[in-house]
Amino acid sequence: MIKYKTIWVSIFTIFLALTVNFFYPEIKLPADIQIDKLVVFKSKRQLLAYSNGQLVKTYKISLGRQPIGDKEFEGDKKTPEGLYFINDKNPSSGYHKNLGISYPNNDDIEYAKRLGKPTGGDIKIHGLRNKTGLIGKFHRWFDWTLGCIAVTNSEIDELYEAVKIGTPIDIKS
């Protein structure tokens, strides 16, 4: 009897913790702020947003399914590393909204060419797949993209408004 009670208390505690985590509000990006630099630390699963040299927010992220190492070619499921720029904004993508990353650059193209493989492209910072937004912060539990950087839908809404095309993004291992 005590064994079953312990199991049910454990299940309830886990459920309660997950519920609190899901509904606990995250700090919002200050209104009317302009992000002028993004830095990604893949190993920490963090995207840092800067304005005028000051860190204004840190986002928890998910990456490509093979997060270790630099992207080498199309289909390797790795997130690229290096200095890129935000080169596109799409308000109605298949993943809520997205910010395009200027991958591939000339070095990426040359490297993939030496491998005899296509470079790929369409690397984005994006929200969750349309109609799956209820997953919310739980998407961070694993790396699930094909090489993109994923945040929650409310977070991509913030970034979409605060980041201009041409903003540098430095993606580090």
N, C-alpha and C. Protein backbone atom coordinates (compact mmCIF):
# COMPACT_ATOMS: atom_id res chain seq x y z
N MET A 1 0.82 -1.20 0.00
CA MET A 1 0.00 0.00 0.00
C MET A 1 0.87 1.26 0.00
N ILE A 2 1.91 1.27 0.84
CA ILE A 2 2.79 2.43 0.92
C ILE A 2 3.53 2.62 -0.41
N LYS A 3 3.87 1.52 -1.06
CA LYS A 3 4.56 1.56 -2.34
C LYS A 3 3.71 2.30 -3.39
N TYR A 4 2.40 1.97 -3.48
CA TYR A 4 1.51 2.62 -4.44
C TYR A 4 1.31 4.09 -4.11
N LYS A 5 1.23 4.39 -2.82
CA LYS A 5 1.07 5.79 -2.40
C LYS A 5 2.30 6.60 -2.80
N THR A 6 3.46 6.03 -2.62
CA THR A 6 4.71 6.70 -3.01
C THR A 6 4.75 6.95 -4.52
N ILE A 7 4.32 5.96 -5.28
CA ILE A 7 4.29 6.10 -6.74
C ILE A 7 3.33 7.22 -7.14
N TRP A 8 2.13 7.25 -6.57
CA TRP A 8 1.15 8.28 -6.91
C TRP A 8 1.61 9.67 -6.48
N VAL A 9 2.24 9.77 -5.34
CA VAL A 9 2.77 11.07 -4.90
C VAL A 9 3.88 11.52 -5.85
N SER A 10 4.71 10.59 -6.28
CA SER A 10 5.78 10.93 -7.23
C SER A 10 5.20 11.39 -8.56
N ILE A 11 4.21 10.68 -9.07
CA ILE A 11 3.57 11.07 -10.33
C ILE A 11 2.92 12.44 -10.20
N PHE A 12 2.22 12.67 -9.12
CA PHE A 12 1.58 13.96 -8.90
C PHE A 12 2.61 15.09 -8.81
N THR A 13 3.71 14.85 -8.12
CA THR A 13 4.77 15.86 -7.98
C THR A 13 5.38 16.19 -9.34
N ILE A 14 5.63 15.18 -10.14
CA ILE A 14 6.19 15.40 -11.48
C ILE A 14 5.19 16.19 -12.32
N PHE A 15 3.93 15.80 -12.29
CA PHE A 15 2.89 16.50 -13.05
C PHE A 15 2.79 17.96 -12.61
N LEU A 16 2.83 18.20 -11.32
CA LEU A 16 2.76 19.56 -10.79
C LEU A 16 3.96 20.38 -11.25
N ALA A 17 5.15 19.79 -11.19
CA ALA A 17 6.36 20.51 -11.61
C ALA A 17 6.30 20.85 -13.10
N LEU A 18 5.84 19.91 -13.92
CA LEU A 18 5.72 20.16 -15.36
C LEU A 18 4.69 21.25 -15.65
N THR A 19 3.60 21.23 -14.94
CA THR A 19 2.56 22.25 -15.11
C THR A 19 3.08 23.63 -14.74
N VAL A 20 3.77 23.72 -13.62
CA VAL A 20 4.33 25.01 -13.20
C VAL A 20 5.34 25.49 -14.24
N ASN A 21 6.20 24.61 -14.71
CA ASN A 21 7.19 24.98 -15.73
C ASN A 21 6.51 25.49 -17.00
N PHE A 22 5.45 24.83 -17.41
CA PHE A 22 4.76 25.21 -18.64
C PHE A 22 4.11 26.59 -18.53
N PHE A 23 3.47 26.86 -17.41
CA PHE A 23 2.72 28.11 -17.26
C PHE A 23 3.52 29.24 -16.63
N TYR A 24 4.69 28.95 -16.08
CA TYR A 24 5.48 30.00 -15.46
C TYR A 24 5.91 31.00 -16.52
N PRO A 25 5.57 32.27 -16.35
CA PRO A 25 5.88 33.25 -17.39
C PRO A 25 7.37 33.54 -17.49
N GLU A 26 7.82 33.72 -18.72
CA GLU A 26 9.21 34.08 -18.95
C GLU A 26 9.30 35.60 -19.06
N ILE A 27 10.46 36.13 -18.78
CA ILE A 27 10.67 37.57 -18.87
C ILE A 27 10.57 37.99 -20.33
N LYS A 28 9.76 38.99 -20.59
CA LYS A 28 9.57 39.48 -21.96
C LYS A 28 10.68 40.45 -22.34
N LEU A 29 10.96 40.50 -23.61
CA LEU A 29 11.90 41.47 -24.15
C LEU A 29 11.27 42.85 -23.98
N PRO A 30 12.03 43.84 -23.51
CA PRO A 30 11.46 45.18 -23.34
C PRO A 30 10.85 45.70 -24.66
N ALA A 31 9.73 46.40 -24.54
CA ALA A 31 9.05 46.92 -25.73
C ALA A 31 9.92 47.94 -26.45
N ASP A 32 9.76 48.00 -27.76
CA ASP A 32 10.45 48.97 -28.62
C ASP A 32 11.97 48.88 -28.56
N ILE A 33 12.50 47.74 -28.18
CA ILE A 33 13.96 47.58 -28.17
C ILE A 33 14.40 47.06 -29.54
N GLN A 34 15.58 47.47 -29.95
CA GLN A 34 16.13 47.02 -31.22
C GLN A 34 17.31 46.09 -30.94
N ILE A 35 17.22 44.85 -31.37
CA ILE A 35 18.31 43.89 -31.22
C ILE A 35 19.30 44.14 -32.35
N ASP A 36 20.58 44.36 -32.00
CA ASP A 36 21.58 44.63 -33.04
C ASP A 36 22.64 43.55 -33.15
N LYS A 37 22.52 42.50 -32.33
CA LYS A 37 23.47 41.38 -32.42
C LYS A 37 22.85 40.16 -31.74
N LEU A 38 23.04 39.01 -32.37
CA LEU A 38 22.62 37.73 -31.78
C LEU A 38 23.84 36.83 -31.68
N VAL A 39 23.94 36.10 -30.58
CA VAL A 39 25.01 35.13 -30.39
C VAL A 39 24.37 33.82 -29.94
N VAL A 40 24.74 32.73 -30.58
CA VAL A 40 24.23 31.41 -30.23
C VAL A 40 25.38 30.58 -29.68
N PHE A 41 25.16 29.96 -28.52
CA PHE A 41 26.08 28.98 -27.97
C PHE A 41 25.38 27.62 -28.06
N LYS A 42 25.77 26.86 -29.08
CA LYS A 42 25.10 25.58 -29.32
C LYS A 42 25.23 24.63 -28.13
N SER A 43 26.41 24.55 -27.54
CA SER A 43 26.63 23.60 -26.44
C SER A 43 25.78 23.94 -25.21
N LYS A 44 25.44 25.21 -25.03
CA LYS A 44 24.61 25.64 -23.90
C LYS A 44 23.14 25.74 -24.28
N ARG A 45 22.82 25.56 -25.56
CA ARG A 45 21.46 25.71 -26.08
C ARG A 45 20.91 27.09 -25.72
N GLN A 46 21.70 28.13 -26.02
CA GLN A 46 21.32 29.50 -25.70
C GLN A 46 21.47 30.41 -26.91
N LEU A 47 20.51 31.32 -27.05
CA LEU A 47 20.59 32.41 -28.01
C LEU A 47 20.56 33.70 -27.19
N LEU A 48 21.60 34.51 -27.32
CA LEU A 48 21.72 35.76 -26.57
C LEU A 48 21.39 36.93 -27.49
N ALA A 49 20.55 37.83 -27.02
CA ALA A 49 20.15 39.00 -27.80
C ALA A 49 20.76 40.25 -27.17
N TYR A 50 21.43 41.06 -28.00
CA TYR A 50 22.11 42.27 -27.54
C TYR A 50 21.51 43.51 -28.18
N SER A 51 21.49 44.58 -27.42
CA SER A 51 21.11 45.89 -27.92
C SER A 51 22.12 46.90 -27.41
N ASN A 52 22.76 47.62 -28.33
CA ASN A 52 23.79 48.60 -27.96
C ASN A 52 24.88 48.00 -27.07
N GLY A 53 25.28 46.78 -27.38
CA GLY A 53 26.35 46.12 -26.64
C GLY A 53 25.94 45.51 -25.31
N GLN A 54 24.68 45.65 -24.93
CA GLN A 54 24.20 45.12 -23.65
C GLN A 54 23.33 43.89 -23.89
N LEU A 55 23.59 42.83 -23.12
CA LEU A 55 22.75 41.64 -23.19
C LEU A 55 21.37 42.00 -22.65
N VAL A 56 20.33 41.80 -23.45
CA VAL A 56 18.98 42.13 -23.01
C VAL A 56 18.12 40.89 -22.75
N LYS A 57 18.47 39.75 -23.36
CA LYS A 57 17.69 38.54 -23.08
C LYS A 57 18.46 37.32 -23.55
N THR A 58 18.29 36.23 -22.82
CA THR A 58 18.84 34.93 -23.19
C THR A 58 17.67 33.98 -23.42
N TYR A 59 17.67 33.35 -24.59
CA TYR A 59 16.62 32.39 -24.95
C TYR A 59 17.18 30.98 -24.88
N LYS A 60 16.37 30.04 -24.39
CA LYS A 60 16.70 28.63 -24.45
C LYS A 60 16.22 28.12 -25.80
N ILE A 61 17.05 27.29 -26.45
CA ILE A 61 16.76 26.89 -27.83
C ILE A 61 16.88 25.37 -28.03
N SER A 62 16.33 24.93 -29.14
CA SER A 62 16.57 23.59 -29.66
C SER A 62 17.31 23.75 -30.98
N LEU A 63 18.10 22.74 -31.33
CA LEU A 63 18.93 22.80 -32.53
C LEU A 63 18.60 21.65 -33.47
N GLY A 64 19.48 21.48 -34.47
CA GLY A 64 19.37 20.35 -35.37
C GLY A 64 19.57 19.04 -34.63
N ARG A 65 19.06 17.97 -35.18
CA ARG A 65 19.11 16.66 -34.52
C ARG A 65 20.53 16.15 -34.28
N GLN A 66 21.49 16.67 -35.02
CA GLN A 66 22.90 16.32 -34.82
C GLN A 66 23.62 17.62 -34.42
N PRO A 67 23.51 18.04 -33.18
CA PRO A 67 23.96 19.39 -32.81
C PRO A 67 25.47 19.58 -32.69
N ILE A 68 26.23 18.52 -32.63
CA ILE A 68 27.67 18.66 -32.44
C ILE A 68 28.36 18.84 -33.78
N GLY A 69 29.17 19.88 -33.87
CA GLY A 69 29.93 20.15 -35.09
C GLY A 69 29.23 21.11 -36.02
N ASP A 70 30.01 21.64 -36.95
CA ASP A 70 29.53 22.61 -37.92
C ASP A 70 28.76 21.92 -39.04
N LYS A 71 27.77 22.59 -39.58
CA LYS A 71 27.04 22.06 -40.73
C LYS A 71 28.01 21.88 -41.89
N GLU A 72 27.94 20.73 -42.55
CA GLU A 72 28.85 20.43 -43.65
C GLU A 72 28.15 20.37 -45.00
N PHE A 73 26.91 19.85 -45.00
CA PHE A 73 26.18 19.69 -46.25
C PHE A 73 24.70 19.50 -45.96
N GLU A 74 23.91 19.61 -47.01
CA GLU A 74 22.46 19.46 -46.89
C GLU A 74 22.12 18.07 -46.34
N GLY A 75 21.24 18.04 -45.37
CA GLY A 75 20.76 16.78 -44.82
C GLY A 75 21.55 16.23 -43.65
N ASP A 76 22.62 16.93 -43.22
CA ASP A 76 23.40 16.40 -42.09
C ASP A 76 22.77 16.72 -40.74
N LYS A 77 21.69 17.50 -40.73
CA LYS A 77 20.92 17.84 -39.53
C LYS A 77 21.74 18.60 -38.49
N LYS A 78 22.77 19.29 -38.93
CA LYS A 78 23.61 20.10 -38.05
C LYS A 78 23.27 21.58 -38.23
N THR A 79 23.42 22.32 -37.16
CA THR A 79 23.26 23.76 -37.20
C THR A 79 24.61 24.36 -37.54
N PRO A 80 24.65 25.30 -38.51
CA PRO A 80 25.95 25.87 -38.90
C PRO A 80 26.61 26.64 -37.77
N GLU A 81 27.92 26.85 -37.90
CA GLU A 81 28.70 27.64 -36.96
C GLU A 81 29.43 28.72 -37.74
N GLY A 82 29.54 29.89 -37.16
CA GLY A 82 30.25 30.99 -37.81
C GLY A 82 29.43 32.26 -37.76
N LEU A 83 29.94 33.29 -38.44
CA LEU A 83 29.28 34.58 -38.49
C LEU A 83 28.38 34.64 -39.72
N TYR A 84 27.12 34.89 -39.46
CA TYR A 84 26.11 35.03 -40.51
C TYR A 84 25.30 36.29 -40.23
N PHE A 85 24.28 36.51 -41.03
CA PHE A 85 23.42 37.67 -40.87
C PHE A 85 21.96 37.27 -41.04
N ILE A 86 21.07 37.99 -40.40
CA ILE A 86 19.64 37.77 -40.62
C ILE A 86 19.34 38.36 -42.00
N ASN A 87 18.85 37.51 -42.91
CA ASN A 87 18.66 37.96 -44.30
C ASN A 87 17.22 37.87 -44.79
N ASP A 88 16.30 37.48 -43.90
CA ASP A 88 14.90 37.33 -44.32
C ASP A 88 14.01 37.30 -43.09
N LYS A 89 12.77 37.73 -43.28
CA LYS A 89 11.75 37.64 -42.24
C LYS A 89 10.49 37.09 -42.89
N ASN A 90 9.97 35.99 -42.36
CA ASN A 90 8.77 35.38 -42.92
C ASN A 90 7.70 35.33 -41.84
N PRO A 91 6.62 36.11 -42.00
CA PRO A 91 5.58 36.15 -40.98
C PRO A 91 4.60 34.98 -41.03
N SER A 92 4.68 34.16 -42.07
CA SER A 92 3.70 33.07 -42.20
C SER A 92 4.34 31.79 -42.71
N SER A 93 5.37 31.34 -42.00
CA SER A 93 6.05 30.12 -42.42
C SER A 93 5.33 28.89 -41.86
N GLY A 94 5.83 27.74 -42.16
CA GLY A 94 5.28 26.50 -41.62
C GLY A 94 5.60 26.31 -40.15
N TYR A 95 6.43 27.21 -39.60
CA TYR A 95 6.84 27.15 -38.20
C TYR A 95 6.56 28.50 -37.55
N HIS A 96 5.31 28.90 -37.54
CA HIS A 96 4.80 30.14 -36.97
C HIS A 96 5.39 31.34 -37.71
N LYS A 97 6.55 31.81 -37.33
CA LYS A 97 7.28 32.89 -38.02
C LYS A 97 8.74 32.47 -38.05
N ASN A 98 9.53 33.14 -38.91
CA ASN A 98 10.95 32.83 -38.87
C ASN A 98 11.80 34.00 -39.30
N LEU A 99 13.05 33.92 -38.90
CA LEU A 99 14.10 34.84 -39.31
C LEU A 99 15.12 34.01 -40.09
N GLY A 100 15.40 34.40 -41.34
CA GLY A 100 16.35 33.67 -42.16
C GLY A 100 17.78 33.98 -41.77
N ILE A 101 18.63 32.98 -41.82
CA ILE A 101 20.07 33.11 -41.55
C ILE A 101 20.80 32.93 -42.87
N SER A 102 21.81 33.75 -43.12
CA SER A 102 22.48 33.82 -44.42
C SER A 102 23.37 32.63 -44.77
N TYR A 103 23.14 31.48 -44.18
CA TYR A 103 23.84 30.26 -44.56
C TYR A 103 23.33 29.83 -45.92
N PRO A 104 24.17 29.41 -46.85
CA PRO A 104 25.61 29.22 -46.77
C PRO A 104 26.37 30.46 -47.21
N ASN A 105 27.55 30.65 -46.59
CA ASN A 105 28.45 31.71 -47.07
C ASN A 105 29.45 31.07 -48.05
N ASN A 106 30.39 31.84 -48.55
CA ASN A 106 31.33 31.32 -49.56
C ASN A 106 32.16 30.16 -49.02
N ASP A 107 32.59 30.23 -47.75
CA ASP A 107 33.37 29.13 -47.17
C ASP A 107 32.54 27.85 -47.09
N ASP A 108 31.26 27.99 -46.71
CA ASP A 108 30.37 26.83 -46.63
C ASP A 108 30.19 26.18 -48.00
N ILE A 109 30.03 27.01 -49.01
CA ILE A 109 29.84 26.50 -50.38
C ILE A 109 31.09 25.76 -50.86
N GLU A 110 32.25 26.34 -50.61
CA GLU A 110 33.52 25.69 -51.02
C GLU A 110 33.72 24.37 -50.29
N TYR A 111 33.43 24.34 -49.00
CA TYR A 111 33.63 23.11 -48.22
C TYR A 111 32.72 21.99 -48.74
N ALA A 112 31.45 22.32 -48.93
CA ALA A 112 30.52 21.30 -49.43
C ALA A 112 30.92 20.84 -50.83
N LYS A 113 31.41 21.76 -51.64
CA LYS A 113 31.85 21.42 -52.99
C LYS A 113 33.00 20.41 -52.94
N ARG A 114 33.96 20.63 -52.00
CA ARG A 114 35.07 19.69 -51.84
C ARG A 114 34.58 18.31 -51.42
N LEU A 115 33.48 18.27 -50.66
CA LEU A 115 32.90 17.00 -50.25
C LEU A 115 32.05 16.37 -51.35
N GLY A 116 31.75 17.16 -52.38
CA GLY A 116 30.90 16.66 -53.45
C GLY A 116 29.44 16.59 -53.05
N LYS A 117 29.04 17.46 -52.12
CA LYS A 117 27.68 17.45 -51.59
C LYS A 117 27.04 18.82 -51.78
N PRO A 118 25.70 18.88 -51.80
CA PRO A 118 25.04 20.19 -51.84
C PRO A 118 25.12 20.85 -50.46
N THR A 119 25.19 22.19 -50.45
CA THR A 119 25.31 22.91 -49.17
C THR A 119 24.01 22.94 -48.39
N GLY A 120 22.90 22.94 -49.08
CA GLY A 120 21.63 23.14 -48.41
C GLY A 120 21.43 24.61 -48.13
N GLY A 121 20.45 24.91 -47.34
CA GLY A 121 20.13 26.29 -47.02
C GLY A 121 18.88 26.32 -46.17
N ASP A 122 18.18 27.43 -46.24
CA ASP A 122 16.95 27.60 -45.47
C ASP A 122 17.16 27.38 -43.98
N ILE A 123 18.27 27.86 -43.46
CA ILE A 123 18.51 27.80 -42.02
C ILE A 123 17.82 29.00 -41.39
N LYS A 124 17.02 28.77 -40.40
CA LYS A 124 16.17 29.80 -39.80
C LYS A 124 16.24 29.77 -38.27
N ILE A 125 15.83 30.87 -37.69
CA ILE A 125 15.40 30.89 -36.29
C ILE A 125 13.89 30.88 -36.39
N HIS A 126 13.24 29.88 -35.82
CA HIS A 126 11.79 29.77 -36.00
C HIS A 126 11.09 29.29 -34.74
N GLY A 127 9.76 29.43 -34.79
CA GLY A 127 8.91 28.93 -33.72
C GLY A 127 8.58 27.47 -33.95
N LEU A 128 7.49 27.04 -33.35
CA LEU A 128 7.07 25.65 -33.45
C LEU A 128 6.25 25.42 -34.72
N ARG A 129 6.25 24.19 -35.17
CA ARG A 129 5.47 23.85 -36.38
C ARG A 129 4.03 24.31 -36.15
N ASN A 130 3.43 24.84 -37.21
CA ASN A 130 2.04 25.31 -37.11
C ASN A 130 1.14 24.23 -36.53
N LYS A 131 0.24 24.63 -35.69
CA LYS A 131 -0.74 23.78 -35.00
C LYS A 131 -0.12 22.93 -33.90
N THR A 132 1.14 23.19 -33.53
CA THR A 132 1.76 22.46 -32.41
C THR A 132 2.24 23.41 -31.32
N GLY A 133 1.77 24.64 -31.34
CA GLY A 133 2.23 25.66 -30.40
C GLY A 133 2.00 25.31 -28.94
N LEU A 134 1.05 24.42 -28.65
CA LEU A 134 0.79 24.04 -27.26
C LEU A 134 1.97 23.31 -26.62
N ILE A 135 2.86 22.80 -27.43
CA ILE A 135 4.06 22.14 -26.90
C ILE A 135 4.86 23.14 -26.07
N GLY A 136 4.86 24.39 -26.52
CA GLY A 136 5.52 25.46 -25.77
C GLY A 136 6.96 25.14 -25.42
N LYS A 137 7.31 25.38 -24.17
CA LYS A 137 8.69 25.23 -23.71
C LYS A 137 9.17 23.78 -23.71
N PHE A 138 8.25 22.83 -23.81
CA PHE A 138 8.66 21.42 -23.77
C PHE A 138 9.49 21.03 -25.00
N HIS A 139 9.41 21.82 -26.07
CA HIS A 139 10.19 21.50 -27.27
C HIS A 139 11.69 21.53 -26.96
N ARG A 140 12.07 22.24 -25.91
CA ARG A 140 13.48 22.38 -25.55
C ARG A 140 14.09 21.10 -24.98
N TRP A 141 13.29 20.11 -24.72
CA TRP A 141 13.79 18.89 -24.11
C TRP A 141 14.68 18.09 -25.05
N PHE A 142 14.58 18.33 -26.34
CA PHE A 142 15.44 17.60 -27.27
C PHE A 142 15.67 18.44 -28.52
N ASP A 143 16.72 18.11 -29.26
CA ASP A 143 17.02 18.78 -30.51
C ASP A 143 16.22 18.11 -31.61
N TRP A 144 15.41 18.89 -32.31
CA TRP A 144 14.45 18.29 -33.23
C TRP A 144 14.43 18.92 -34.63
N THR A 145 15.16 19.98 -34.86
CA THR A 145 15.09 20.62 -36.17
C THR A 145 16.01 19.91 -37.16
N LEU A 146 15.99 20.37 -38.41
CA LEU A 146 16.87 19.81 -39.43
C LEU A 146 18.15 20.63 -39.57
N GLY A 147 18.39 21.54 -38.61
CA GLY A 147 19.57 22.39 -38.64
C GLY A 147 19.26 23.81 -38.22
N CYS A 148 18.00 24.09 -38.01
CA CYS A 148 17.58 25.43 -37.62
C CYS A 148 17.73 25.63 -36.10
N ILE A 149 17.37 26.83 -35.66
CA ILE A 149 17.37 27.20 -34.25
C ILE A 149 15.92 27.45 -33.87
N ALA A 150 15.39 26.69 -32.92
CA ALA A 150 13.98 26.79 -32.57
C ALA A 150 13.78 27.43 -31.20
N VAL A 151 12.78 28.30 -31.13
CA VAL A 151 12.33 28.94 -29.90
C VAL A 151 10.81 28.76 -29.83
N THR A 152 10.19 29.20 -28.75
CA THR A 152 8.73 29.12 -28.67
C THR A 152 8.10 30.16 -29.60
N ASN A 153 6.83 30.02 -29.85
CA ASN A 153 6.14 30.97 -30.73
C ASN A 153 6.14 32.38 -30.16
N SER A 154 5.95 32.52 -28.86
CA SER A 154 5.96 33.87 -28.28
C SER A 154 7.37 34.48 -28.36
N GLU A 155 8.39 33.64 -28.27
CA GLU A 155 9.76 34.15 -28.37
C GLU A 155 10.09 34.58 -29.80
N ILE A 156 9.64 33.82 -30.81
CA ILE A 156 9.91 34.26 -32.18
C ILE A 156 9.11 35.51 -32.50
N ASP A 157 7.95 35.67 -31.89
CA ASP A 157 7.19 36.92 -32.07
C ASP A 157 8.02 38.11 -31.59
N GLU A 158 8.63 37.97 -30.41
CA GLU A 158 9.50 39.03 -29.87
C GLU A 158 10.66 39.33 -30.81
N LEU A 159 11.36 38.27 -31.19
CA LEU A 159 12.54 38.44 -32.04
C LEU A 159 12.16 39.01 -33.41
N TYR A 160 11.05 38.56 -33.94
CA TYR A 160 10.61 39.03 -35.25
C TYR A 160 10.43 40.55 -35.25
N GLU A 161 9.89 41.08 -34.16
CA GLU A 161 9.68 42.52 -34.06
C GLU A 161 10.97 43.29 -33.78
N ALA A 162 11.89 42.69 -33.05
CA ALA A 162 13.07 43.43 -32.55
C ALA A 162 14.32 43.29 -33.42
N VAL A 163 14.34 42.34 -34.34
CA VAL A 163 15.54 42.08 -35.14
C VAL A 163 15.30 42.55 -36.58
N LYS A 164 16.22 43.35 -37.08
CA LYS A 164 16.14 43.83 -38.45
C LYS A 164 16.96 42.94 -39.38
N ILE A 165 16.59 42.95 -40.65
CA ILE A 165 17.41 42.27 -41.66
C ILE A 165 18.78 42.94 -41.66
N GLY A 166 19.83 42.12 -41.71
CA GLY A 166 21.21 42.61 -41.66
C GLY A 166 21.85 42.46 -40.29
N THR A 167 21.07 42.09 -39.28
CA THR A 167 21.61 41.89 -37.93
C THR A 167 22.58 40.70 -37.93
N PRO A 168 23.79 40.87 -37.38
CA PRO A 168 24.73 39.74 -37.33
C PRO A 168 24.29 38.69 -36.32
N ILE A 169 24.56 37.44 -36.66
CA ILE A 169 24.34 36.32 -35.74
C ILE A 169 25.60 35.47 -35.75
N ASP A 170 26.22 35.34 -34.60
CA ASP A 170 27.44 34.57 -34.43
C ASP A 170 27.08 33.26 -33.77
N ILE A 171 27.22 32.17 -34.51
CA ILE A 171 26.84 30.84 -34.00
C ILE A 171 28.12 30.11 -33.60
N LYS A 172 28.23 29.81 -32.32
CA LYS A 172 29.42 29.17 -31.76
C LYS A 172 29.09 27.76 -31.31
N SER A 173 30.12 26.91 -31.23
CA SER A 173 29.90 25.52 -30.82
C SER A 173 29.50 25.43 -29.36
